[in-house]
Amino acid sequence: MEIDSLSVIIPVYNSADILPVLLQRLDAVLPNLAPQFEVILVNDGSRDSSWDAILRLTQKYPWAYGIHLMRNYGQHNALLCGIRVAKHPIIVTMDDDLQHPPEEIPKLLNKLADGHDVVYGTPENEQHGLWRDLASQITKLAMQASMGIKTARDVSAFRVFHTRLRDAFADYSNPYVSIDVLLAWGTAHFAAVKVRSDLRLSGKSNYTFAKLVTHAINMMTGFSTLPLQLAIYVGFTFTLFGIGVFCYVVGRYLILGYSVPGFPFLASIIAIFSGAQLFALGIIGEYLARIHSRVMNRPAYVVGSTISQDRIDNSA
């Protein structure tokens, strides 16, 4: 695919040792893809010297642009920040750990040329443990419920899309961000291609089982009414169960002449219904918490400083 320009956005978190290698490989790939390009490195509150590494790299590569966030907001929040400042018509997003090989970017661009608006690079072989794979599947199921498209099961952080899609979420300010769901607000033309997935160059992944499950819950409660519908189904199911128990007790009394004996039976029924009520209240409470967060108007991110050779430095 022949393109005039593109922006590559990379959220950075504790990757000071990997960034020089990553940009070296991008420097070998990007000039062959477009005459104009930029790489936006968004430092998401790293605890190591990642920002110092970004400062050095922006001096070495004039097409590199660094953004320093005030604290750690999360990968998707950092991506949203980068997407909003991208200046080219096509955006590439990828991780900072070299598990997404820069050499695979042409595959995504070629698929994009077929008329799609968003193309994901799906790993040929997942290289995670059992619990991480399980959490990833839970997250993808939640994403499918939030996005409402079949390719939601193929999403990954390695994606290419048209910059114009950001107009669909230009005014979005919620602290809970899912880039894939936001992209689904602007288009239904998604596709996926298989790409090579390499091992992380150093360190370990920051996405644990607990973080992935939390992300899945955030997506379901932040971008979908599925949990509320689930609460309705649970309530309806236990209502039918209660009617069944009532019929059983009355029928036993009419047929045998005595009711169901024993405290354990009554206690079990009460526990079941109490659990169902607490489950429904928990879901409602989660939605109320998000409304509360929205009322406080918390930002998705706050930029501390920026650095680039061809852009004016600023702070916020």
Foldseek 3Di string as FASTA:
>chain_A
DADAEEEEEEEDAQQLPQQVVQVVQCVVQVVVRHVYYAYEYEDQAHPDCNVVSLQVVQVVDQRYKYFYFPHHLDDQLSVLVVLVPDDDFKYWYDYRQCQAPPVCVVVQVVVVVVPFFKEAAAEPDDDDDPLVVVLLQLLLVLQCQQLVAPCSNRHDRGMMGTSVLCVLCVPPFALLGDVSSSSSSRDRRYYYDYDHGDDGPDDDDPDDSVNSNVNSVSSCLVRHCVLLVVLVVLVVVLVVVVVVVVCVQVVCCVPVVHGDDDDVVVVVNVVSVVVSVVSNVVSVVVNVVSVVSVVVSHGNTATAWMDHPPDDIDGD
